[in-house]
Each structure stands twice: as C-alpha cells, then as structure tokens.
Amino acid sequence: MSPLVLIAAAGVGGVMLARWGMREIQRINDELEKSRARVAERGRAHAVRQLRFDPETGTYRPVEHR
C-alpha cells in the first residue's frame, strides 16, 4: 500500500478512537453525576439528630422530639 493511504487510514482510525473515547468519558461522567445526586438526596433525607448530655450515665443521648 501507498504510505499516503496508510497515513490516511491511521488518521481516520485515530479520529474514530478519539470520538469513541469522548463519548465514553461523557457517559461515565453522567453516571457519576447521577450517583452523586442520589447520595446527596439520601444525605438530605436523614435529619441530623441532636445529642444531649445525660449526667446519669455520663454519655450523650439523642434528643427525643415529640
């Protein structure tokens, strides 16, 4: 084969590989963003519980909300 054909084929292959890589990177980033959003939503769903010192036991216990 002519060197020009080989260089052209390598160039086309390189472009195709780069486009495939960019699509994979975008797909992975989208999955990570969805996963981060789910984790953040779960974190917001759980309320932070307040603790109060219990002098009888010397430990901290959760505050009971009624």
PDB file of N, CA and C in Angstrom:
ATOM      1  N   MET A   1       0.841  -1.182   0.000  1.00  0.00           N
ATOM      2  CA  MET A   1       0.000   0.000   0.000  1.00  0.00           C
ATOM      3  C   MET A   1       0.879   1.236   0.000  1.00  0.00           C
ATOM      4  N   SER A   2       0.294   2.256  -0.473  1.00  0.00           N
ATOM      5  CA  SER A   2       0.991   3.529  -0.520  1.00  0.00           C
ATOM      6  C   SER A   2       1.054   4.123   0.887  1.00  0.00           C
ATOM      7  N   PRO A   3       2.148   4.756   1.249  1.00  0.00           N
ATOM      8  CA  PRO A   3       2.239   5.370   2.581  1.00  0.00           C
ATOM      9  C   PRO A   3       1.134   6.402   2.836  1.00  0.00           C
ATOM     10  N   LEU A   4       0.702   7.074   1.785  1.00  0.00           N
ATOM     11  CA  LEU A   4      -0.354   8.076   1.946  1.00  0.00           C
ATOM     12  C   LEU A   4      -1.663   7.411   2.377  1.00  0.00           C
ATOM     13  N   VAL A   5      -1.976   6.249   1.839  1.00  0.00           N
ATOM     14  CA  VAL A   5      -3.198   5.523   2.214  1.00  0.00           C
ATOM     15  C   VAL A   5      -3.088   5.059   3.662  1.00  0.00           C
ATOM     16  N   LEU A   6      -1.927   4.570   4.054  1.00  0.00           N
ATOM     17  CA  LEU A   6      -1.732   4.134   5.435  1.00  0.00           C
ATOM     18  C   LEU A   6      -1.864   5.297   6.418  1.00  0.00           C
ATOM     19  N   ILE A   7      -1.294   6.426   6.072  1.00  0.00           N
ATOM     20  CA  ILE A   7      -1.394   7.608   6.939  1.00  0.00           C
ATOM     21  C   ILE A   7      -2.846   8.067   7.039  1.00  0.00           C
ATOM     22  N   ALA A   8      -3.575   8.055   5.924  1.00  0.00           N
ATOM     23  CA  ALA A   8      -4.979   8.463   5.927  1.00  0.00           C
ATOM     24  C   ALA A   8      -5.816   7.488   6.771  1.00  0.00           C
ATOM     25  N   ALA A   9      -5.548   6.198   6.625  1.00  0.00           N
ATOM     26  CA  ALA A   9      -6.291   5.209   7.403  1.00  0.00           C
ATOM     27  C   ALA A   9      -5.994   5.361   8.892  1.00  0.00           C
ATOM     28  N   ALA A  10      -4.731   5.602   9.230  1.00  0.00           N
ATOM     29  CA  ALA A  10      -4.372   5.817  10.630  1.00  0.00           C
ATOM     30  C   ALA A  10      -5.041   7.078  11.169  1.00  0.00           C
ATOM     31  N   GLY A  11      -5.127   8.116  10.373  1.00  0.00           N
ATOM     32  CA  GLY A  11      -5.786   9.359  10.798  1.00  0.00           C
ATOM     33  C   GLY A  11      -7.264   9.151  11.049  1.00  0.00           C
ATOM     34  N   VAL A  12      -7.926   8.441  10.126  1.00  0.00           N
ATOM     35  CA  VAL A  12      -9.360   8.164  10.294  1.00  0.00           C
ATOM     36  C   VAL A  12      -9.574   7.296  11.535  1.00  0.00           C
ATOM     37  N   GLY A  13      -8.731   6.302  11.725  1.00  0.00           N
ATOM     38  CA  GLY A  13      -8.840   5.445  12.899  1.00  0.00           C
ATOM     39  C   GLY A  13      -8.620   6.229  14.183  1.00  0.00           C
ATOM     40  N   GLY A  14      -7.665   7.138  14.160  1.00  0.00           N
ATOM     41  CA  GLY A  14      -7.401   7.969  15.333  1.00  0.00           C
ATOM     42  C   GLY A  14      -8.581   8.859  15.679  1.00  0.00           C
ATOM     43  N   VAL A  15      -9.194   9.437  14.666  1.00  0.00           N
ATOM     44  CA  VAL A  15     -10.364  10.289  14.899  1.00  0.00           C
ATOM     45  C   VAL A  15     -11.513   9.465  15.466  1.00  0.00           C
ATOM     46  N   MET A  16     -11.731   8.271  14.901  1.00  0.00           N
ATOM     47  CA  MET A  16     -12.810   7.408  15.401  1.00  0.00           C
ATOM     48  C   MET A  16     -12.551   6.992  16.843  1.00  0.00           C
ATOM     49  N   LEU A  17     -11.312   6.670  17.162  1.00  0.00           N
ATOM     50  CA  LEU A  17     -10.959   6.295  18.532  1.00  0.00           C
ATOM     51  C   LEU A  17     -11.156   7.471  19.490  1.00  0.00           C
ATOM     52  N   ALA A  18     -10.789   8.666  19.078  1.00  0.00           N
ATOM     53  CA  ALA A  18     -10.956   9.850  19.922  1.00  0.00           C
ATOM     54  C   ALA A  18     -12.442  10.139  20.174  1.00  0.00           C
ATOM     55  N   ARG A  19     -13.268  10.010  19.136  1.00  0.00           N
ATOM     56  CA  ARG A  19     -14.704  10.255  19.312  1.00  0.00           C
ATOM     57  C   ARG A  19     -15.320   9.224  20.245  1.00  0.00           C
ATOM     58  N   TRP A  20     -14.927   7.951  20.097  1.00  0.00           N
ATOM     59  CA  TRP A  20     -15.429   6.901  20.973  1.00  0.00           C
ATOM     60  C   TRP A  20     -15.014   7.189  22.416  1.00  0.00           C
ATOM     61  N   GLY A  21     -13.756   7.589  22.609  1.00  0.00           N
ATOM     62  CA  GLY A  21     -13.262   7.906  23.952  1.00  0.00           C
ATOM     63  C   GLY A  21     -14.021   9.054  24.582  1.00  0.00           C
ATOM     64  N   MET A  22     -14.303  10.083  23.821  1.00  0.00           N
ATOM     65  CA  MET A  22     -15.047  11.228  24.355  1.00  0.00           C
ATOM     66  C   MET A  22     -16.470  10.828  24.752  1.00  0.00           C
ATOM     67  N   ARG A  23     -17.110   9.966  23.940  1.00  0.00           N
ATOM     68  CA  ARG A  23     -18.462   9.505  24.295  1.00  0.00           C
ATOM     69  C   ARG A  23     -18.430   8.676  25.571  1.00  0.00           C
ATOM     70  N   GLU A  24     -17.426   7.836  25.726  1.00  0.00           N
ATOM     71  CA  GLU A  24     -17.303   7.028  26.949  1.00  0.00           C
ATOM     72  C   GLU A  24     -17.073   7.913  28.169  1.00  0.00           C
ATOM     73  N   ILE A  25     -16.217   8.901  28.027  1.00  0.00           N
ATOM     74  CA  ILE A  25     -15.952   9.828  29.133  1.00  0.00           C
ATOM     75  C   ILE A  25     -17.236  10.545  29.533  1.00  0.00           C
ATOM     76  N   GLN A  26     -18.013  10.997  28.544  1.00  0.00           N
ATOM     77  CA  GLN A  26     -19.267  11.694  28.837  1.00  0.00           C
ATOM     78  C   GLN A  26     -20.258  10.757  29.520  1.00  0.00           C
ATOM     79  N   ARG A  27     -20.343   9.501  29.053  1.00  0.00           N
ATOM     80  CA  ARG A  27     -21.258   8.531  29.647  1.00  0.00           C
ATOM     81  C   ARG A  27     -20.888   8.252  31.101  1.00  0.00           C
ATOM     82  N   ILE A  28     -19.607   8.074  31.360  1.00  0.00           N
ATOM     83  CA  ILE A  28     -19.153   7.798  32.715  1.00  0.00           C
ATOM     84  C   ILE A  28     -19.409   8.998  33.623  1.00  0.00           C
ATOM     85  N   ASN A  29     -19.134  10.200  33.143  1.00  0.00           N
ATOM     86  CA  ASN A  29     -19.393  11.400  33.941  1.00  0.00           C
ATOM     87  C   ASN A  29     -20.881  11.557  34.244  1.00  0.00           C
ATOM     88  N   ASP A  30     -21.746  11.236  33.284  1.00  0.00           N
ATOM     89  CA  ASP A  30     -23.190  11.302  33.534  1.00  0.00           C
ATOM     90  C   ASP A  30     -23.610  10.311  34.623  1.00  0.00           C
ATOM     91  N   GLU A  31     -23.067   9.093  34.560  1.00  0.00           N
ATOM     92  CA  GLU A  31     -23.382   8.097  35.588  1.00  0.00           C
ATOM     93  C   GLU A  31     -22.893   8.556  36.965  1.00  0.00           C
ATOM     94  N   LEU A  32     -21.688   9.114  37.016  1.00  0.00           N
ATOM     95  CA  LEU A  32     -21.162   9.604  38.292  1.00  0.00           C
ATOM     96  C   LEU A  32     -22.011  10.737  38.846  1.00  0.00           C
ATOM     97  N   GLU A  33     -22.461  11.624  37.985  1.00  0.00           N
ATOM     98  CA  GLU A  33     -23.287  12.749  38.434  1.00  0.00           C
ATOM     99  C   GLU A  33     -24.621  12.256  38.988  1.00  0.00           C
ATOM    100  N   LYS A  34     -25.222  11.266  38.327  1.00  0.00           N
ATOM    101  CA  LYS A  34     -26.478  10.691  38.826  1.00  0.00           C
ATOM    102  C   LYS A  34     -26.253  10.029  40.187  1.00  0.00           C
ATOM    103  N   SER A  35     -25.144   9.323  40.305  1.00  0.00           N
ATOM    104  CA  SER A  35     -24.836   8.646  41.560  1.00  0.00           C
ATOM    105  C   SER A  35     -24.602   9.661  42.677  1.00  0.00           C
ATOM    106  N   ARG A  36     -23.883  10.737  42.385  1.00  0.00           N
ATOM    107  CA  ARG A  36     -23.652  11.784  43.393  1.00  0.00           C
ATOM    108  C   ARG A  36     -24.965  12.423  43.811  1.00  0.00           C
ATOM    109  N   ALA A  37     -25.869  12.636  42.861  1.00  0.00           N
ATOM    110  CA  ALA A  37     -27.162  13.245  43.182  1.00  0.00           C
ATOM    111  C   ALA A  37     -27.967  12.325  44.100  1.00  0.00           C
ATOM    112  N   ARG A  38     -27.928  11.008  43.838  1.00  0.00           N
ATOM    113  CA  ARG A  38     -28.661  10.070  44.702  1.00  0.00           C
ATOM    114  C   ARG A  38     -28.084  10.074  46.112  1.00  0.00           C
ATOM    115  N   VAL A  39     -26.769  10.097  46.224  1.00  0.00           N
ATOM    116  CA  VAL A  39     -26.127  10.099  47.545  1.00  0.00           C
ATOM    117  C   VAL A  39     -26.463  11.393  48.280  1.00  0.00           C
ATOM    118  N   ALA A  40     -26.419  12.511  47.586  1.00  0.00           N
ATOM    119  CA  ALA A  40     -26.738  13.795  48.217  1.00  0.00           C
ATOM    120  C   ALA A  40     -28.199  13.825  48.672  1.00  0.00           C
ATOM    121  N   GLU A  41     -29.089  13.263  47.867  1.00  0.00           N
ATOM    122  CA  GLU A  41     -30.502  13.243  48.231  1.00  0.00           C
ATOM    123  C   GLU A  41     -30.725  12.380  49.469  1.00  0.00           C
ATOM    124  N   ARG A  42     -30.051  11.246  49.548  1.00  0.00           N
ATOM    125  CA  ARG A  42     -30.166  10.397  50.736  1.00  0.00           C
ATOM    126  C   ARG A  42     -29.634  11.115  51.966  1.00  0.00           C
ATOM    127  N   GLY A  43     -28.563  11.875  51.785  1.00  0.00           N
ATOM    128  CA  GLY A  43     -27.992  12.611  52.905  1.00  0.00           C
ATOM    129  C   GLY A  43     -28.937  13.679  53.418  1.00  0.00           C
ATOM    130  N   ARG A  44     -29.673  14.323  52.503  1.00  0.00           N
ATOM    131  CA  ARG A  44     -30.632  15.342  52.925  1.00  0.00           C
ATOM    132  C   ARG A  44     -31.853  14.715  53.579  1.00  0.00           C
ATOM    133  N   ALA A  45     -32.174  13.494  53.199  1.00  0.00           N
ATOM    134  CA  ALA A  45     -33.360  12.841  53.740  1.00  0.00           C
ATOM    135  C   ALA A  45     -33.174  12.476  55.212  1.00  0.00           C
ATOM    136  N   HIS A  46     -31.962  12.202  55.620  1.00  0.00           N
ATOM    137  CA  HIS A  46     -31.695  11.842  57.014  1.00  0.00           C
ATOM    138  C   HIS A  46     -31.389  13.112  57.806  1.00  0.00           C
ATOM    139  N   ALA A  47     -32.259  13.401  58.737  1.00  0.00           N
ATOM    140  CA  ALA A  47     -32.060  14.593  59.553  1.00  0.00           C
ATOM    141  C   ALA A  47     -30.924  14.355  60.541  1.00  0.00           C
ATOM    142  N   VAL A  48     -30.183  15.399  60.809  1.00  0.00           N
ATOM    143  CA  VAL A  48     -29.112  15.313  61.793  1.00  0.00           C
ATOM    144  C   VAL A  48     -29.759  15.331  63.172  1.00  0.00           C
ATOM    145  N   ARG A  49     -29.447  14.344  63.961  1.00  0.00           N
ATOM    146  CA  ARG A  49     -30.042  14.252  65.294  1.00  0.00           C
ATOM    147  C   ARG A  49     -29.179  15.012  66.286  1.00  0.00           C
ATOM    148  N   GLN A  50     -29.847  15.723  67.153  1.00  0.00           N
ATOM    149  CA  GLN A  50     -29.140  16.456  68.197  1.00  0.00           C
ATOM    150  C   GLN A  50     -28.872  15.531  69.379  1.00  0.00           C
ATOM    151  N   LEU A  51     -27.757  15.777  70.040  1.00  0.00           N
ATOM    152  CA  LEU A  51     -27.404  14.988  71.217  1.00  0.00           C
ATOM    153  C   LEU A  51     -27.436  15.877  72.451  1.00  0.00           C
ATOM    154  N   ARG A  52     -27.817  15.282  73.559  1.00  0.00           N
ATOM    155  CA  ARG A  52     -27.853  15.997  74.829  1.00  0.00           C
ATOM    156  C   ARG A  52     -27.106  15.149  75.852  1.00  0.00           C
ATOM    157  N   PHE A  53     -26.336  15.807  76.700  1.00  0.00           N
ATOM    158  CA  PHE A  53     -25.548  15.104  77.708  1.00  0.00           C
ATOM    159  C   PHE A  53     -26.467  14.544  78.774  1.00  0.00           C
ATOM    160  N   ASP A  54     -26.284  13.276  79.097  1.00  0.00           N
ATOM    161  CA  ASP A  54     -27.056  12.606  80.145  1.00  0.00           C
ATOM    162  C   ASP A  54     -26.146  12.486  81.364  1.00  0.00           C
ATOM    163  N   PRO A  55     -26.396  13.308  82.415  1.00  0.00           N
ATOM    164  CA  PRO A  55     -25.495  13.294  83.572  1.00  0.00           C
ATOM    165  C   PRO A  55     -25.533  11.982  84.358  1.00  0.00           C
ATOM    166  N   GLU A  56     -26.619  11.234  84.264  1.00  0.00           N
ATOM    167  CA  GLU A  56     -26.702   9.968  84.999  1.00  0.00           C
ATOM    168  C   GLU A  56     -25.725   8.932  84.461  1.00  0.00           C
ATOM    169  N   THR A  57     -25.610   8.860  83.136  1.00  0.00           N
ATOM    170  CA  THR A  57     -24.741   7.850  82.537  1.00  0.00           C
ATOM    171  C   THR A  57     -23.401   8.435  82.103  1.00  0.00           C
ATOM    172  N   GLY A  58     -23.335   9.758  81.963  1.00  0.00           N
ATOM    173  CA  GLY A  58     -22.104  10.396  81.510  1.00  0.00           C
ATOM    174  C   GLY A  58     -21.890  10.290  80.006  1.00  0.00           C
ATOM    175  N   THR A  59     -22.942   9.994  79.276  1.00  0.00           N
ATOM    176  CA  THR A  59     -22.828   9.884  77.821  1.00  0.00           C
ATOM    177  C   THR A  59     -23.808  10.855  77.157  1.00  0.00           C
ATOM    178  N   TYR A  60     -23.658  10.986  75.873  1.00  0.00           N
ATOM    179  CA  TYR A  60     -24.568  11.813  75.092  1.00  0.00           C
ATOM    180  C   TYR A  60     -25.646  10.915  74.486  1.00  0.00           C
ATOM    181  N   ARG A  61     -26.882  11.381  74.555  1.00  0.00           N
ATOM    182  CA  ARG A  61     -28.015  10.616  74.014  1.00  0.00           C
ATOM    183  C   ARG A  61     -28.780  11.500  73.031  1.00  0.00           C
ATOM    184  N   PRO A  62     -29.454  10.863  72.057  1.00  0.00           N
ATOM    185  CA  PRO A  62     -30.262  11.641  71.107  1.00  0.00           C
ATOM    186  C   PRO A  62     -31.416  12.344  71.815  1.00  0.00           C
ATOM    187  N   VAL A  63     -31.739  13.532  71.337  1.00  0.00           N
ATOM    188  CA  VAL A  63     -32.863  14.297  71.879  1.00  0.00           C
ATOM    189  C   VAL A  63     -34.132  13.687  71.291  1.00  0.00           C
ATOM    190  N   GLU A  64     -35.094  13.423  72.148  1.00  0.00           N
ATOM    191  CA  GLU A  64     -36.372  12.880  71.704  1.00  0.00           C
ATOM    192  C   GLU A  64     -37.277  14.009  71.293  1.00  0.00           C
ATOM    193  N   HIS A  65     -37.723  13.994  70.029  1.00  0.00           N
ATOM    194  CA  HIS A  65     -38.666  15.002  69.539  1.00  0.00           C
ATOM    195  C   HIS A  65     -40.050  14.393  69.512  1.00  0.00           C
ATOM    196  N   ARG A  66     -41.013  15.113  70.067  1.00  0.00           N
ATOM    197  CA  ARG A  66     -42.380  14.589  70.109  1.00  0.00           C
ATOM    198  C   ARG A  66     -43.310  15.484  69.396  1.00  0.00           C
TER     199      ARG A  66
END
